Amino acid sequence: MYKFSSRIRYSEVDSKGILSLESLLDYFQDCSTFHSEDVGAGLGYLKERRLAWVLSAWQIVVDRYPRLCEAVRIGTAPYDFKGFFGYRNFLMETEDGERLACANTLWTLIDMEKMCPARLTKELTEAYRIEDRLPMDYAPRKIALPAEGGTEKEPLEVGRRHLDTNNHVNNGQYIRMAREHLPTEYVGESLNLFLRQMRAEYKKQAYLGDKIYPVVYENGEIAAVSLNDREGQPYCIVEFEFRNMGSERS
């Protein structure tokens, strides 16, 4: 597994002094970028061939959020390539090997000229070493929403700060948007809720100037946010699963 070491920075923690979910996601995304660059299949390689990896699904499971200044190792490895798709695990652990969080992701290779899926080449896949899947409870890729009962929120407009090198909304920005629209009972300081799992299903790309219409669904310890277009079709669906802190560590 490809790994790099880091230390939790002040800019990466929340009001409780622990790593935020958004920063954890950034660590994982950076790790896959470092990995691809180091094996010679990074952004430059893809750009020359007019290709791009687009994230189709996230599943992040957290055992413990590391604290400010805690030393950590972040790792990643692909475990399968098939057709248009790449499957990649992520891991964050302490220097002593305590597992803090892990993730499963599905990526789609896109032909940026035709804007359609591109078949994986032998040259691209052989740049990586396939490893065994990490042990974790793998959830379905698709997220089912209730047929009704969602609460519509004020729309937001995609700005330059939301874009990545492919000029569409970065996958992590959708998670930030969804978190901003969670009801206060899920994010209030007075409640001891532990964000145990996050899943995201990416449906289509949003671009500069697009309007995004959040719809929030609540079901006990699970909350979901569908980030929709004007017609109600989702760009991305994000599901958050919480646990009571009485049975979890922070």
C-alpha atoms as a PDB file:
ATOM      1  CA  MET A   1       0.000   0.000   0.000  1.00  0.00           C
ATOM      2  CA  TYR A   2       1.234   3.454  -0.927  1.00  0.00           C
ATOM      3  CA  LYS A   3       1.584   5.619   2.224  1.00  0.00           C
ATOM      4  CA  PHE A   4       2.708   9.030   3.395  1.00  0.00           C
ATOM      5  CA  SER A   5       3.005  10.498   6.880  1.00  0.00           C
ATOM      6  CA  SER A   6       1.567  13.716   8.232  1.00  0.00           C
ATOM      7  CA  ARG A   7       0.532  15.546  11.384  1.00  0.00           C
ATOM      8  CA  ILE A   8      -2.930  16.958  12.021  1.00  0.00           C
ATOM      9  CA  ARG A   9      -2.834  20.711  11.460  1.00  0.00           C
ATOM     10  CA  TYR A  10      -4.848  23.444  13.173  1.00  0.00           C
ATOM     11  CA  SER A  11      -6.493  24.280   9.825  1.00  0.00           C
ATOM     12  CA  GLU A  12      -7.792  20.685   9.591  1.00  0.00           C
ATOM     13  CA  VAL A  13      -9.622  20.375  12.925  1.00  0.00           C
ATOM     14  CA  ASP A  14     -13.131  21.343  13.958  1.00  0.00           C
ATOM     15  CA  SER A  15     -14.305  23.232  17.045  1.00  0.00           C
ATOM     16  CA  LYS A  16     -13.621  20.148  19.190  1.00  0.00           C
ATOM     17  CA  GLY A  17      -9.977  19.981  18.104  1.00  0.00           C
ATOM     18  CA  ILE A  18     -10.341  16.779  16.097  1.00  0.00           C
ATOM     19  CA  LEU A  19      -9.878  16.172  12.376  1.00  0.00           C
ATOM     20  CA  SER A  20     -12.970  17.165  10.416  1.00  0.00           C
ATOM     21  CA  LEU A  21     -14.605  14.767   7.979  1.00  0.00           C
ATOM     22  CA  GLU A  22     -13.858  17.183   5.150  1.00  0.00           C
ATOM     23  CA  SER A  23     -10.152  17.229   6.033  1.00  0.00           C
ATOM     24  CA  LEU A  24     -10.091  13.425   6.253  1.00  0.00           C
ATOM     25  CA  LEU A  25     -11.530  13.287   2.754  1.00  0.00           C
ATOM     26  CA  ASP A  26      -8.878  15.771   1.572  1.00  0.00           C
ATOM     27  CA  TYR A  27      -6.129  13.529   3.007  1.00  0.00           C
ATOM     28  CA  PHE A  28      -7.497  10.529   1.121  1.00  0.00           C
ATOM     29  CA  GLN A  29      -7.866  12.470  -2.109  1.00  0.00           C
ATOM     30  CA  ASP A  30      -4.327  13.867  -1.801  1.00  0.00           C
ATOM     31  CA  CYS A  31      -2.984  10.373  -1.123  1.00  0.00           C
ATOM     32  CA  SER A  32      -4.415   8.993  -4.374  1.00  0.00           C
ATOM     33  CA  THR A  33      -3.019  12.017  -6.235  1.00  0.00           C
ATOM     34  CA  PHE A  34       0.459  11.503  -4.732  1.00  0.00           C
ATOM     35  CA  HIS A  35       0.261   7.806  -5.568  1.00  0.00           C
ATOM     36  CA  SER A  36      -0.647   8.404  -9.216  1.00  0.00           C
ATOM     37  CA  GLU A  37       2.019  11.088  -9.631  1.00  0.00           C
ATOM     38  CA  ASP A  38       4.702   8.866  -8.098  1.00  0.00           C
ATOM     39  CA  VAL A  39       3.932   5.921 -10.409  1.00  0.00           C
ATOM     40  CA  GLY A  40       3.916   8.147 -13.505  1.00  0.00           C
ATOM     41  CA  ALA A  41       0.156   8.119 -14.112  1.00  0.00           C
ATOM     42  CA  GLY A  42      -0.723  11.519 -12.662  1.00  0.00           C
ATOM     43  CA  LEU A  43      -2.425  14.617 -13.985  1.00  0.00           C
ATOM     44  CA  GLY A  44       0.135  15.294 -16.724  1.00  0.00           C
ATOM     45  CA  TYR A  45      -0.067  11.717 -18.025  1.00  0.00           C
ATOM     46  CA  LEU A  46      -3.862  11.862 -18.112  1.00  0.00           C
ATOM     47  CA  LYS A  47      -4.013  15.336 -19.649  1.00  0.00           C
ATOM     48  CA  GLU A  48      -1.760  14.292 -22.557  1.00  0.00           C
ATOM     49  CA  ARG A  49      -4.220  11.513 -23.308  1.00  0.00           C
ATOM     50  CA  ARG A  50      -7.292  13.706 -22.670  1.00  0.00           C
ATOM     51  CA  LEU A  51      -8.394  11.443 -19.822  1.00  0.00           C
ATOM     52  CA  ALA A  52      -9.542  12.054 -16.265  1.00  0.00           C
ATOM     53  CA  TRP A  53     -10.552   9.942 -13.296  1.00  0.00           C
ATOM     54  CA  VAL A  54     -13.992  10.965 -11.992  1.00  0.00           C
ATOM     55  CA  LEU A  55     -15.195   9.728  -8.628  1.00  0.00           C
ATOM     56  CA  SER A  56     -18.454   7.775  -8.757  1.00  0.00           C
ATOM     57  CA  ALA A  57     -18.846   6.738  -5.114  1.00  0.00           C
ATOM     58  CA  TRP A  58     -17.331   7.204  -1.648  1.00  0.00           C
ATOM     59  CA  GLN A  59     -17.753   5.161   1.507  1.00  0.00           C
ATOM     60  CA  ILE A  60     -15.773   6.379   4.521  1.00  0.00           C
ATOM     61  CA  VAL A  61     -15.922   4.563   7.876  1.00  0.00           C
ATOM     62  CA  VAL A  62     -14.388   6.242  10.923  1.00  0.00           C
ATOM     63  CA  ASP A  63     -13.245   4.494  14.109  1.00  0.00           C
ATOM     64  CA  ARG A  64     -11.692   7.590  15.673  1.00  0.00           C
ATOM     65  CA  TYR A  65     -10.947  11.122  14.495  1.00  0.00           C
ATOM     66  CA  PRO A  66      -7.304  12.028  15.259  1.00  0.00           C
ATOM     67  CA  ARG A  67      -6.606  15.064  17.422  1.00  0.00           C
ATOM     68  CA  LEU A  68      -4.712  18.263  16.721  1.00  0.00           C
ATOM     69  CA  CYS A  69      -0.971  17.602  16.227  1.00  0.00           C
ATOM     70  CA  GLU A  70      -1.417  13.812  16.244  1.00  0.00           C
ATOM     71  CA  ALA A  71       0.934  12.000  13.852  1.00  0.00           C
ATOM     72  CA  VAL A  72      -0.805   9.866  11.237  1.00  0.00           C
ATOM     73  CA  ARG A  73      -0.114   7.738   8.163  1.00  0.00           C
ATOM     74  CA  ILE A  74      -2.384   7.827   5.143  1.00  0.00           C
ATOM     75  CA  GLY A  75      -2.438   4.975   2.644  1.00  0.00           C
ATOM     76  CA  THR A  76      -4.152   3.880  -0.533  1.00  0.00           C
ATOM     77  CA  ALA A  77      -4.173   0.977  -2.972  1.00  0.00           C
ATOM     78  CA  PRO A  78      -6.307  -0.067  -5.940  1.00  0.00           C
ATOM     79  CA  TYR A  79      -7.832  -3.525  -5.581  1.00  0.00           C
ATOM     80  CA  ASP A  80      -9.441  -3.950  -9.007  1.00  0.00           C
ATOM     81  CA  PHE A  81      -9.696  -2.503 -12.508  1.00  0.00           C
ATOM     82  CA  LYS A  82     -12.613  -3.483 -14.704  1.00  0.00           C
ATOM     83  CA  GLY A  83     -13.891  -1.973 -17.959  1.00  0.00           C
ATOM     84  CA  PHE A  84     -14.132   1.773 -17.326  1.00  0.00           C
ATOM     85  CA  PHE A  85     -13.770   1.475 -13.549  1.00  0.00           C
ATOM     86  CA  GLY A  86     -11.084   1.566 -10.893  1.00  0.00           C
ATOM     87  CA  TYR A  87     -11.674   0.437  -7.306  1.00  0.00           C
ATOM     88  CA  ARG A  88      -9.508   1.949  -4.584  1.00  0.00           C
ATOM     89  CA  ASN A  89      -9.222   1.627  -0.798  1.00  0.00           C
ATOM     90  CA  PHE A  90      -7.907   4.226   1.633  1.00  0.00           C
ATOM     91  CA  LEU A  91      -6.610   4.022   5.185  1.00  0.00           C
ATOM     92  CA  MET A  92      -5.641   6.441   7.944  1.00  0.00           C
ATOM     93  CA  GLU A  93      -3.760   5.054  10.936  1.00  0.00           C
ATOM     94  CA  THR A  94      -1.599   6.183  13.815  1.00  0.00           C
ATOM     95  CA  GLU A  95       2.168   5.693  13.863  1.00  0.00           C
ATOM     96  CA  ASP A  96       1.513   2.646  16.067  1.00  0.00           C
ATOM     97  CA  GLY A  97      -0.810   1.101  13.503  1.00  0.00           C
ATOM     98  CA  GLU A  98      -4.169   1.897  15.129  1.00  0.00           C
ATOM     99  CA  ARG A  99      -6.738   2.163  12.372  1.00  0.00           C
ATOM    100  CA  LEU A 100      -8.504   5.509  12.494  1.00  0.00           C
ATOM    101  CA  ALA A 101     -10.535   5.434   9.286  1.00  0.00           C
ATOM    102  CA  CYS A 102     -10.843   3.518   6.034  1.00  0.00           C
ATOM    103  CA  ALA A 103     -12.646   4.072   2.769  1.00  0.00           C
ATOM    104  CA  ASN A 104     -13.832   2.406  -0.396  1.00  0.00           C
ATOM    105  CA  THR A 105     -14.134   4.301  -3.681  1.00  0.00           C
ATOM    106  CA  LEU A 106     -15.272   3.685  -7.234  1.00  0.00           C
ATOM    107  CA  TRP A 107     -13.700   5.764 -10.016  1.00  0.00           C
ATOM    108  CA  THR A 108     -14.684   6.078 -13.682  1.00  0.00           C
ATOM    109  CA  LEU A 109     -12.132   6.877 -16.392  1.00  0.00           C
ATOM    110  CA  ILE A 110     -13.522   9.613 -18.656  1.00  0.00           C
ATOM    111  CA  ASP A 111     -12.602  10.616 -22.208  1.00  0.00           C
ATOM    112  CA  MET A 112     -12.548  14.410 -21.792  1.00  0.00           C
ATOM    113  CA  GLU A 113     -13.037  15.071 -25.525  1.00  0.00           C
ATOM    114  CA  LYS A 114     -16.079  12.861 -25.972  1.00  0.00           C
ATOM    115  CA  MET A 115     -17.213  13.263 -22.336  1.00  0.00           C
ATOM    116  CA  CYS A 116     -17.967   9.582 -22.007  1.00  0.00           C
ATOM    117  CA  PRO A 117     -16.385   6.624 -20.187  1.00  0.00           C
ATOM    118  CA  ALA A 118     -13.063   5.420 -21.605  1.00  0.00           C
ATOM    119  CA  ARG A 119     -11.841   1.842 -21.429  1.00  0.00           C
ATOM    120  CA  LEU A 120      -8.840   1.288 -19.228  1.00  0.00           C
ATOM    121  CA  THR A 121      -5.572   0.627 -21.036  1.00  0.00           C
ATOM    122  CA  LYS A 122      -2.977  -1.943 -20.079  1.00  0.00           C
ATOM    123  CA  GLU A 123      -0.369   0.829 -19.824  1.00  0.00           C
ATOM    124  CA  LEU A 124      -2.452   2.715 -17.265  1.00  0.00           C
ATOM    125  CA  THR A 125      -3.437  -0.232 -15.079  1.00  0.00           C
ATOM    126  CA  GLU A 126       0.068  -1.719 -15.055  1.00  0.00           C
ATOM    127  CA  ALA A 127       1.375   1.478 -13.440  1.00  0.00           C
ATOM    128  CA  TYR A 128      -0.311   0.325 -10.232  1.00  0.00           C
ATOM    129  CA  ARG A 129       0.023  -2.733  -8.059  1.00  0.00           C
ATOM    130  CA  ILE A 130      -3.271  -4.449  -7.276  1.00  0.00           C
ATOM    131  CA  GLU A 131      -3.682  -5.352  -3.602  1.00  0.00           C
ATOM    132  CA  ASP A 132      -6.284  -7.205  -1.532  1.00  0.00           C
ATOM    133  CA  ARG A 133      -9.380  -5.320  -0.424  1.00  0.00           C
ATOM    134  CA  LEU A 134      -9.220  -3.830   3.044  1.00  0.00           C
ATOM    135  CA  PRO A 135     -11.381  -5.561   5.646  1.00  0.00           C
ATOM    136  CA  MET A 136     -14.419  -3.321   6.211  1.00  0.00           C
ATOM    137  CA  ASP A 137     -18.196  -3.491   5.970  1.00  0.00           C
ATOM    138  CA  TYR A 138     -18.735  -2.636   2.302  1.00  0.00           C
ATOM    139  CA  ALA A 139     -21.971  -0.749   1.671  1.00  0.00           C
ATOM    140  CA  PRO A 140     -23.889  -0.629  -1.621  1.00  0.00           C
ATOM    141  CA  ARG A 141     -22.774   2.040  -4.074  1.00  0.00           C
ATOM    142  CA  LYS A 142     -26.284   3.373  -4.654  1.00  0.00           C
ATOM    143  CA  ILE A 143     -28.030   5.414  -1.962  1.00  0.00           C
ATOM    144  CA  ALA A 144     -31.806   5.038  -1.658  1.00  0.00           C
ATOM    145  CA  LEU A 145     -33.751   8.144  -0.668  1.00  0.00           C
ATOM    146  CA  PRO A 146     -37.294   8.249   0.718  1.00  0.00           C
ATOM    147  CA  ALA A 147     -39.941   8.904  -1.910  1.00  0.00           C
ATOM    148  CA  GLU A 148     -41.090  11.975   0.035  1.00  0.00           C
ATOM    149  CA  GLY A 149     -40.453  13.913   3.214  1.00  0.00           C
ATOM    150  CA  GLY A 150     -37.396  15.893   2.139  1.00  0.00           C
ATOM    151  CA  THR A 151     -36.887  19.496   3.233  1.00  0.00           C
ATOM    152  CA  GLU A 152     -35.856  21.895   0.488  1.00  0.00           C
ATOM    153  CA  LYS A 153     -33.123  24.410   1.311  1.00  0.00           C
ATOM    154  CA  GLU A 154     -32.018  27.634  -0.325  1.00  0.00           C
ATOM    155  CA  PRO A 155     -30.155  27.027  -3.619  1.00  0.00           C
ATOM    156  CA  LEU A 156     -26.485  27.855  -3.986  1.00  0.00           C
ATOM    157  CA  GLU A 157     -24.447  28.749  -7.031  1.00  0.00           C
ATOM    158  CA  VAL A 158     -21.261  26.961  -8.059  1.00  0.00           C
ATOM    159  CA  GLY A 159     -18.300  29.342  -7.728  1.00  0.00           C
ATOM    160  CA  ARG A 160     -14.650  29.126  -8.735  1.00  0.00           C
ATOM    161  CA  ARG A 161     -13.708  27.902  -5.259  1.00  0.00           C
ATOM    162  CA  HIS A 162     -15.723  24.728  -5.880  1.00  0.00           C
ATOM    163  CA  LEU A 163     -13.864  23.679  -9.053  1.00  0.00           C
ATOM    164  CA  ASP A 164     -10.984  21.256  -9.549  1.00  0.00           C
ATOM    165  CA  THR A 165      -8.460  20.741 -12.369  1.00  0.00           C
ATOM    166  CA  ASN A 166     -11.187  19.243 -14.564  1.00  0.00           C
ATOM    167  CA  ASN A 167     -13.213  22.484 -14.230  1.00  0.00           C
ATOM    168  CA  HIS A 168     -16.147  20.808 -12.541  1.00  0.00           C
ATOM    169  CA  VAL A 169     -17.145  20.715  -8.869  1.00  0.00           C
ATOM    170  CA  ASN A 170     -14.588  18.755  -6.866  1.00  0.00           C
ATOM    171  CA  ASN A 171     -15.997  15.676  -5.173  1.00  0.00           C
ATOM    172  CA  GLY A 172     -15.042  16.971  -1.738  1.00  0.00           C
ATOM    173  CA  GLN A 173     -16.963  20.200  -2.300  1.00  0.00           C
ATOM    174  CA  TYR A 174     -20.230  18.262  -2.557  1.00  0.00           C
ATOM    175  CA  ILE A 175     -19.553  16.813   0.891  1.00  0.00           C
ATOM    176  CA  ARG A 176     -18.932  20.292   2.286  1.00  0.00           C
ATOM    177  CA  MET A 177     -22.166  21.553   0.737  1.00  0.00           C
ATOM    178  CA  ALA A 178     -24.115  18.636   2.197  1.00  0.00           C
ATOM    179  CA  ARG A 179     -22.626  19.080   5.681  1.00  0.00           C
ATOM    180  CA  GLU A 180     -23.516  22.777   5.653  1.00  0.00           C
ATOM    181  CA  HIS A 181     -27.165  21.856   5.176  1.00  0.00           C
ATOM    182  CA  LEU A 182     -27.455  19.241   7.930  1.00  0.00           C
ATOM    183  CA  PRO A 183     -30.020  20.138  10.608  1.00  0.00           C
ATOM    184  CA  THR A 184     -28.558  21.564  13.819  1.00  0.00           C
ATOM    185  CA  GLU A 185     -29.435  18.431  15.799  1.00  0.00           C
ATOM    186  CA  TYR A 186     -26.763  16.583  13.828  1.00  0.00           C
ATOM    187  CA  VAL A 187     -24.043  19.201  14.167  1.00  0.00           C
ATOM    188  CA  GLY A 188     -24.877  21.038  17.390  1.00  0.00           C
ATOM    189  CA  GLU A 189     -22.159  21.147  20.023  1.00  0.00           C
ATOM    190  CA  SER A 190     -24.608  20.134  22.737  1.00  0.00           C
ATOM    191  CA  LEU A 191     -25.232  16.705  21.253  1.00  0.00           C
ATOM    192  CA  ASN A 192     -22.798  13.810  21.528  1.00  0.00           C
ATOM    193  CA  LEU A 193     -23.159  12.433  18.036  1.00  0.00           C
ATOM    194  CA  PHE A 194     -20.263  10.671  16.358  1.00  0.00           C
ATOM    195  CA  LEU A 195     -20.170  10.739  12.560  1.00  0.00           C
ATOM    196  CA  ARG A 196     -19.367   7.088  11.958  1.00  0.00           C
ATOM    197  CA  GLN A 197     -19.906   6.718   8.198  1.00  0.00           C
ATOM    198  CA  MET A 198     -20.323   8.863   5.113  1.00  0.00           C
ATOM    199  CA  ARG A 199     -21.434   7.616   1.717  1.00  0.00           C
ATOM    200  CA  ALA A 200     -21.655   9.651  -1.461  1.00  0.00           C
ATOM    201  CA  GLU A 201     -23.065   8.703  -4.847  1.00  0.00           C
ATOM    202  CA  TYR A 202     -22.080  11.020  -7.692  1.00  0.00           C
ATOM    203  CA  LYS A 203     -24.639  11.193 -10.484  1.00  0.00           C
ATOM    204  CA  LYS A 204     -23.418  13.942 -12.838  1.00  0.00           C
ATOM    205  CA  GLN A 205     -21.081  16.916 -12.959  1.00  0.00           C
ATOM    206  CA  ALA A 206     -21.867  20.491 -11.913  1.00  0.00           C
ATOM    207  CA  TYR A 207     -19.992  23.401 -13.470  1.00  0.00           C
ATOM    208  CA  LEU A 208     -19.297  27.069 -12.804  1.00  0.00           C
ATOM    209  CA  GLY A 209     -22.524  29.030 -12.523  1.00  0.00           C
ATOM    210  CA  ASP A 210     -24.799  26.013 -12.061  1.00  0.00           C
ATOM    211  CA  LYS A 211     -27.423  26.269  -9.317  1.00  0.00           C
ATOM    212  CA  ILE A 212     -27.574  23.462  -6.758  1.00  0.00           C
ATOM    213  CA  TYR A 213     -30.788  22.822  -4.829  1.00  0.00           C
ATOM    214  CA  PRO A 214     -30.240  20.861  -1.554  1.00  0.00           C
ATOM    215  CA  VAL A 215     -32.979  18.598  -0.204  1.00  0.00           C
ATOM    216  CA  VAL A 216     -32.455  17.169   3.298  1.00  0.00           C
ATOM    217  CA  TYR A 217     -33.847  13.870   4.617  1.00  0.00           C
ATOM    218  CA  GLU A 218     -33.777  12.833   8.289  1.00  0.00           C
ATOM    219  CA  ASN A 219     -34.273   9.359   9.715  1.00  0.00           C
ATOM    220  CA  GLY A 220     -33.049   9.031  13.287  1.00  0.00           C
ATOM    221  CA  GLU A 221     -29.285   8.566  13.275  1.00  0.00           C
ATOM    222  CA  ILE A 222     -29.103   8.788   9.471  1.00  0.00           C
ATOM    223  CA  ALA A 223     -29.348  12.013   7.512  1.00  0.00           C
ATOM    224  CA  ALA A 224     -29.060  12.396   3.745  1.00  0.00           C
ATOM    225  CA  VAL A 225     -28.701  15.410   1.480  1.00  0.00           C
ATOM    226  CA  SER A 226     -29.557  15.289  -2.214  1.00  0.00           C
ATOM    227  CA  LEU A 227     -27.821  18.080  -4.140  1.00  0.00           C
ATOM    228  CA  ASN A 228     -30.095  18.565  -7.139  1.00  0.00           C
ATOM    229  CA  ASP A 229     -30.336  20.543 -10.340  1.00  0.00           C
ATOM    230  CA  ARG A 230     -33.279  22.840 -11.155  1.00  0.00           C
ATOM    231  CA  GLU A 231     -35.373  19.874 -12.353  1.00  0.00           C
ATOM    232  CA  GLY A 232     -34.779  17.915  -9.154  1.00  0.00           C
ATOM    233  CA  GLN A 233     -32.241  15.498 -10.641  1.00  0.00           C
ATOM    234  CA  PRO A 234     -29.295  14.892  -8.289  1.00  0.00           C
ATOM    235  CA  TYR A 235     -25.717  15.862  -8.970  1.00  0.00           C
ATOM    236  CA  CYS A 236     -24.743  14.001  -5.816  1.00  0.00           C
ATOM    237  CA  ILE A 237     -26.425  12.232  -2.893  1.00  0.00           C
ATOM    238  CA  VAL A 238     -24.602  12.227   0.447  1.00  0.00           C
ATOM    239  CA  GLU A 239     -25.602  10.052   3.405  1.00  0.00           C
ATOM    240  CA  PHE A 240     -24.298  10.542   6.962  1.00  0.00           C
ATOM    241  CA  GLU A 241     -24.618   7.865   9.630  1.00  0.00           C
ATOM    242  CA  PHE A 242     -24.216   8.931  13.255  1.00  0.00           C
ATOM    243  CA  ARG A 243     -23.704   7.016  16.494  1.00  0.00           C
ATOM    244  CA  ASN A 244     -24.234   8.106  20.066  1.00  0.00           C
ATOM    245  CA  MET A 245     -20.931   9.046  21.679  1.00  0.00           C
ATOM    246  CA  GLY A 246     -21.782   6.852  24.638  1.00  0.00           C
ATOM    247  CA  SER A 247     -20.619   3.885  22.551  1.00  0.00           C
ATOM    248  CA  GLU A 248     -17.992   5.585  20.388  1.00  0.00           C
ATOM    249  CA  ARG A 249     -14.745   7.404  20.953  1.00  0.00           C
ATOM    250  CA  SER A 250     -14.131  10.900  19.664  1.00  0.00           C
END
